[in-house]
Amino acid sequence: MLDLTGKNALVTGIANNRSIAWGIAQQLHAAGANLGITYLPDATGKMEKKVSSLVEPLNPSLFLPCNVQDEDQTQATFDAIKEKWGQLDILIHCLAFAHRDDLMGDFSNVSRQGFQTALDISAYSLVSLARAAKPLMTAGGSIVTLTYLGGVRVIPNYNTMGIAKAALEMNVRYLAAEMGAQQIRVNGISAGPIRTLASSAVGGILDMIHHVEEVAPLRRTVTQQEVGSTAAFLCSDLSSGITGQILYVDSGYAIMGM
């Protein structure tokens, strides 16, 4: 039976109740993990209030601001973990961003700044968080990130984010190779399209979902809970021999040629 009792888990990327990170946090909590939640701070404090209210039933023992483009704030997050918990067992990375204009039109028109922003937030942030987490994973651990098929195939209206996901998937492999000696496992979940705040920026997302429902072997798309359950599995001892992998949770869509 999947049991994460006594495990300390940091979950990033919860924006609202449609976030895949929210589905993951729920499944980790159900398995007994002790949760820490980060949120993206803003000047109005609206995001803090929204996320705090949402995660209250999960009773997180840490609730921290963390803008991954701010190295000082990232380090402060892990300093707080060290002070409160002493060690970290699980890191969930659910962070991605690209400017809407860089997700449509001709890919060659992407701006240098837009390209850098997408790679920084969506891919480099995993490296940054893993680097900070590594010293705290003294008993080994599991790092899980979220990716998408657009990192290996051309997907309409995905453009720059596809490049970022490709980089993210290679980050998984290089980090797994580096951290394996410390018994830290690093894996990614390639989830099928789900209606989230992030996916709403992708033009035609509803058409993509309907296409998956028509073509995927299971004739449906996936849910937050299904992705969350896979993440919980990857964070548990049941997956102790798995690292450096991208697991597809997409109702089988990725195997189809047409």
Protein backbone atom coordinates (compact mmCIF):
# COMPACT_ATOMS: atom_id res chain seq x y z
CA MET A 1 0.00 0.00 0.00
CA LEU A 2 1.22 3.48 -0.87
CA ASP A 3 2.26 5.15 2.38
CA LEU A 4 4.05 8.49 2.71
CA THR A 5 3.57 8.85 6.45
CA GLY A 6 6.45 10.79 7.97
CA LYS A 7 7.62 12.16 4.61
CA ASN A 8 8.11 15.90 4.20
CA ALA A 9 6.89 17.13 0.82
CA LEU A 10 7.21 20.58 -0.76
CA VAL A 11 4.64 21.32 -3.48
CA THR A 12 5.08 24.27 -5.83
CA GLY A 13 2.75 25.64 -8.48
CA ILE A 14 -0.71 25.64 -6.92
CA ALA A 15 -2.68 28.55 -8.36
CA ASN A 16 -6.28 27.37 -7.96
CA ASN A 17 -8.40 24.24 -7.66
CA ARG A 18 -7.79 23.34 -11.30
CA SER A 19 -4.01 23.22 -10.91
CA ILE A 20 -2.43 19.83 -11.43
CA ALA A 21 -0.26 20.71 -8.43
CA TRP A 22 -3.46 20.83 -6.38
CA GLY A 23 -4.34 17.29 -7.46
CA ILE A 24 -0.84 16.15 -6.51
CA ALA A 25 -0.98 17.87 -3.11
CA GLN A 26 -4.30 16.15 -2.35
CA GLN A 27 -2.92 12.71 -3.17
CA LEU A 28 0.26 13.27 -1.15
CA HIS A 29 -1.86 14.36 1.82
CA ALA A 30 -4.11 11.33 1.45
CA ALA A 31 -1.00 9.12 1.56
CA GLY A 32 0.06 10.70 4.84
CA ALA A 33 2.75 13.16 3.75
CA ASN A 34 3.52 16.30 5.75
CA LEU A 35 3.02 19.16 3.30
CA GLY A 36 4.74 22.44 2.63
CA ILE A 37 3.10 24.69 0.02
CA THR A 38 4.58 27.60 -1.88
CA TYR A 39 2.72 30.34 -3.69
CA LEU A 40 3.73 33.08 -6.12
CA PRO A 41 3.64 36.35 -4.18
CA ASP A 42 2.08 39.44 -5.71
CA ALA A 43 1.75 43.04 -4.60
CA THR A 44 -1.94 42.71 -3.75
CA GLY A 45 -1.63 39.54 -1.69
CA LYS A 46 -4.54 37.98 -3.62
CA MET A 47 -2.61 34.86 -4.61
CA GLU A 48 -1.49 34.22 -1.04
CA LYS A 49 -5.08 34.49 0.21
CA LYS A 50 -6.49 32.31 -2.58
CA VAL A 51 -3.95 29.50 -2.21
CA SER A 52 -4.02 29.64 1.59
CA SER A 53 -7.80 29.18 1.61
CA LEU A 54 -7.62 26.33 -0.89
CA VAL A 55 -4.95 24.29 0.89
CA GLU A 56 -6.25 24.83 4.42
CA PRO A 57 -7.97 21.39 4.51
CA LEU A 58 -4.58 19.78 3.83
CA ASN A 59 -3.17 21.39 6.98
CA PRO A 60 0.27 22.28 5.55
CA SER A 61 2.92 22.84 8.20
CA LEU A 62 4.72 25.31 5.94
CA PHE A 63 3.18 27.95 3.67
CA LEU A 64 5.79 30.05 1.94
CA PRO A 65 6.17 32.68 -0.79
CA CYS A 66 8.50 31.56 -3.56
CA ASN A 67 9.16 33.37 -6.81
CA VAL A 68 11.67 31.10 -8.56
CA GLN A 69 13.12 34.05 -10.46
CA ASP A 70 14.31 35.42 -7.12
CA GLU A 71 17.28 33.37 -5.91
CA ASP A 72 17.18 34.93 -2.44
CA GLN A 73 13.52 34.01 -2.00
CA THR A 74 14.18 30.49 -3.26
CA GLN A 75 16.97 30.04 -0.74
CA ALA A 76 14.79 31.49 2.00
CA THR A 77 12.19 28.83 1.23
CA PHE A 78 14.67 26.03 1.80
CA ASP A 79 16.16 27.75 4.84
CA ALA A 80 12.66 27.70 6.33
CA ILE A 81 12.32 24.00 5.49
CA LYS A 82 15.63 23.24 7.19
CA GLU A 83 14.63 25.17 10.31
CA LYS A 84 11.12 23.67 10.53
CA TRP A 85 11.62 20.12 9.27
CA GLY A 86 15.34 19.44 9.28
CA GLN A 87 15.11 17.37 6.12
CA LEU A 88 13.13 17.17 2.90
CA ASP A 89 11.93 13.95 1.25
CA ILE A 90 9.81 15.09 -1.68
CA LEU A 91 9.93 18.04 -4.08
CA ILE A 92 7.09 18.64 -6.54
CA HIS A 93 7.89 21.06 -9.37
CA CYS A 94 4.77 22.30 -11.20
CA LEU A 95 6.01 25.59 -12.63
CA ALA A 96 5.76 26.84 -16.21
CA PHE A 97 5.22 30.14 -17.95
CA ALA A 98 5.52 31.68 -21.40
CA HIS A 99 4.10 34.91 -22.74
CA ARG A 100 0.87 34.29 -24.63
CA ASP A 101 2.31 35.90 -27.77
CA ASP A 102 5.13 33.33 -27.74
CA LEU A 103 2.66 30.44 -27.86
CA MET A 104 1.12 31.32 -31.21
CA GLY A 105 2.04 32.40 -34.71
CA ASP A 106 5.40 31.63 -36.32
CA PHE A 107 7.82 30.13 -33.84
CA SER A 108 10.71 32.01 -35.47
CA ASN A 109 9.15 35.28 -34.30
CA VAL A 110 9.74 34.53 -30.63
CA SER A 111 11.61 37.33 -28.91
CA ARG A 112 14.89 36.75 -27.14
CA GLN A 113 13.34 37.97 -23.88
CA GLY A 114 10.30 35.74 -24.29
CA PHE A 115 12.48 32.73 -25.01
CA GLN A 116 14.65 33.41 -21.98
CA THR A 117 11.65 33.93 -19.71
CA ALA A 118 10.03 30.64 -20.73
CA LEU A 119 13.25 28.67 -20.26
CA ASP A 120 14.04 30.38 -16.95
CA ILE A 121 10.69 29.78 -15.25
CA SER A 122 9.72 26.51 -16.90
CA ALA A 123 13.06 24.67 -17.02
CA TYR A 124 15.83 26.36 -15.06
CA SER A 125 13.61 26.60 -11.99
CA LEU A 126 13.79 22.81 -11.62
CA VAL A 127 17.59 23.03 -11.49
CA SER A 128 17.44 25.87 -8.99
CA LEU A 129 14.98 24.10 -6.69
CA ALA A 130 16.76 20.75 -6.96
CA ARG A 131 20.09 22.39 -6.07
CA ALA A 132 18.56 23.92 -2.95
CA ALA A 133 16.75 20.70 -2.03
CA LYS A 134 19.73 18.38 -2.45
CA PRO A 135 21.48 19.18 0.88
CA LEU A 136 18.19 18.62 2.74
CA MET A 137 17.49 15.21 1.19
CA THR A 138 19.84 13.48 3.60
CA ALA A 139 17.85 10.23 3.57
CA GLY A 140 17.38 10.22 -0.19
CA GLY A 141 14.28 11.58 -1.81
CA SER A 142 12.10 12.04 -4.84
CA ILE A 143 11.80 15.02 -7.17
CA VAL A 144 8.88 15.07 -9.62
CA THR A 145 8.15 17.61 -12.34
CA LEU A 146 5.39 18.07 -14.91
CA THR A 147 5.96 18.04 -18.63
CA TYR A 148 3.89 17.59 -21.79
CA LEU A 149 4.02 15.88 -25.17
CA GLY A 150 4.82 19.25 -26.75
CA GLY A 151 8.39 18.78 -25.51
CA VAL A 152 8.98 15.94 -27.98
CA ARG A 153 6.45 16.64 -30.75
CA VAL A 154 5.20 19.77 -32.47
CA ILE A 155 1.90 20.84 -30.93
CA PRO A 156 -0.13 23.76 -32.35
CA ASN A 157 -0.02 26.92 -30.25
CA TYR A 158 2.68 25.52 -27.94
CA ASN A 159 5.80 26.93 -29.63
CA THR A 160 8.23 28.28 -27.02
CA MET A 161 6.76 26.17 -24.23
CA GLY A 162 7.62 23.08 -26.25
CA ILE A 163 11.27 24.12 -26.22
CA ALA A 164 11.07 24.75 -22.49
CA LYS A 165 9.55 21.31 -21.87
CA ALA A 166 12.26 19.67 -23.96
CA ALA A 167 14.86 21.38 -21.78
CA LEU A 168 12.95 20.37 -18.66
CA GLU A 169 12.98 16.71 -19.68
CA MET A 170 16.75 16.78 -20.20
CA ASN A 171 17.08 18.47 -16.80
CA VAL A 172 15.31 15.42 -15.34
CA ARG A 173 17.91 13.09 -16.87
CA TYR A 174 20.97 15.11 -15.90
CA LEU A 175 19.72 15.69 -12.36
CA ALA A 176 18.86 12.00 -11.99
CA ALA A 177 22.39 11.07 -13.06
CA GLU A 178 23.93 13.54 -10.62
CA MET A 179 21.75 12.84 -7.60
CA GLY A 180 21.34 9.10 -7.86
CA ALA A 181 24.43 8.41 -5.74
CA GLN A 182 22.62 10.24 -2.93
CA GLN A 183 19.52 8.07 -3.52
CA ILE A 184 17.57 11.05 -4.82
CA ARG A 185 15.32 10.07 -7.71
CA VAL A 186 14.20 12.58 -10.35
CA ASN A 187 11.31 11.88 -12.70
CA GLY A 188 8.78 13.70 -14.84
CA ILE A 189 5.10 13.12 -15.58
CA SER A 190 3.89 13.94 -19.08
CA ALA A 191 0.22 14.61 -18.47
CA GLY A 192 -2.49 14.76 -21.08
CA PRO A 193 -4.21 18.12 -21.63
CA ILE A 194 -6.25 19.29 -18.64
CA ARG A 195 -8.11 22.57 -18.27
CA THR A 196 -5.92 24.62 -15.93
CA LEU A 197 -4.97 28.28 -15.56
CA ALA A 198 -1.73 27.58 -17.43
CA SER A 199 -3.33 25.60 -20.26
CA SER A 200 -5.90 28.35 -20.80
CA ALA A 201 -3.12 30.35 -22.45
CA VAL A 202 -2.73 27.67 -25.12
CA GLY A 203 -4.96 28.47 -28.08
CA GLY A 204 -7.46 25.74 -28.90
CA ILE A 205 -7.00 23.87 -25.60
CA LEU A 206 -10.61 22.63 -25.70
CA ASP A 207 -10.10 21.31 -29.23
CA MET A 208 -6.98 19.51 -27.99
CA ILE A 209 -8.92 17.91 -25.16
CA HIS A 210 -11.72 16.81 -27.49
CA HIS A 211 -9.16 15.36 -29.93
CA VAL A 212 -7.59 13.30 -27.13
CA GLU A 213 -11.04 12.06 -26.14
CA GLU A 214 -11.58 10.85 -29.70
CA VAL A 215 -8.14 9.36 -30.40
CA ALA A 216 -6.59 8.16 -27.12
CA PRO A 217 -6.94 4.43 -26.44
CA LEU A 218 -9.00 5.13 -23.31
CA ARG A 219 -11.20 7.58 -25.25
CA ARG A 220 -10.89 10.25 -22.59
CA THR A 221 -8.42 12.68 -21.17
CA VAL A 222 -7.01 12.39 -17.65
CA THR A 223 -7.86 14.01 -14.33
CA GLN A 224 -5.85 15.89 -11.74
CA GLN A 225 -6.34 12.96 -9.40
CA GLU A 226 -4.84 10.49 -11.87
CA VAL A 227 -1.75 12.65 -12.31
CA GLY A 228 -1.64 13.15 -8.55
CA SER A 229 -1.77 9.42 -7.91
CA THR A 230 1.13 8.85 -10.30
CA ALA A 231 3.13 11.55 -8.55
CA ALA A 232 2.42 9.95 -5.17
CA PHE A 233 3.62 6.61 -6.58
CA LEU A 234 6.83 8.23 -7.83
CA CYS A 235 7.38 9.71 -4.38
CA SER A 236 6.89 6.40 -2.60
CA ASP A 237 9.09 3.36 -2.02
CA LEU A 238 6.94 1.50 -4.55
CA SER A 239 8.93 3.31 -7.28
CA SER A 240 12.33 2.95 -5.63
CA GLY A 241 13.95 1.66 -8.83
CA ILE A 242 12.66 4.41 -11.13
CA THR A 243 14.68 7.54 -11.91
CA GLY A 244 15.42 9.74 -14.91
CA GLN A 245 12.13 8.75 -16.55
CA ILE A 246 9.22 10.54 -18.17
CA LEU A 247 5.97 8.70 -17.39
CA TYR A 248 3.06 9.40 -19.70
CA VAL A 249 -0.28 9.84 -17.95
CA ASP A 250 -2.37 10.71 -20.99
CA SER A 251 -4.85 7.88 -21.55
CA GLY A 252 -2.36 6.41 -24.00
CA TYR A 253 -2.53 9.29 -26.48
CA ALA A 254 1.27 9.43 -26.96
CA ILE A 255 1.40 5.94 -28.50
CA MET A 256 -0.93 6.81 -31.37
CA GLY A 257 0.40 7.61 -34.83
CA MET A 258 -2.81 9.22 -36.07
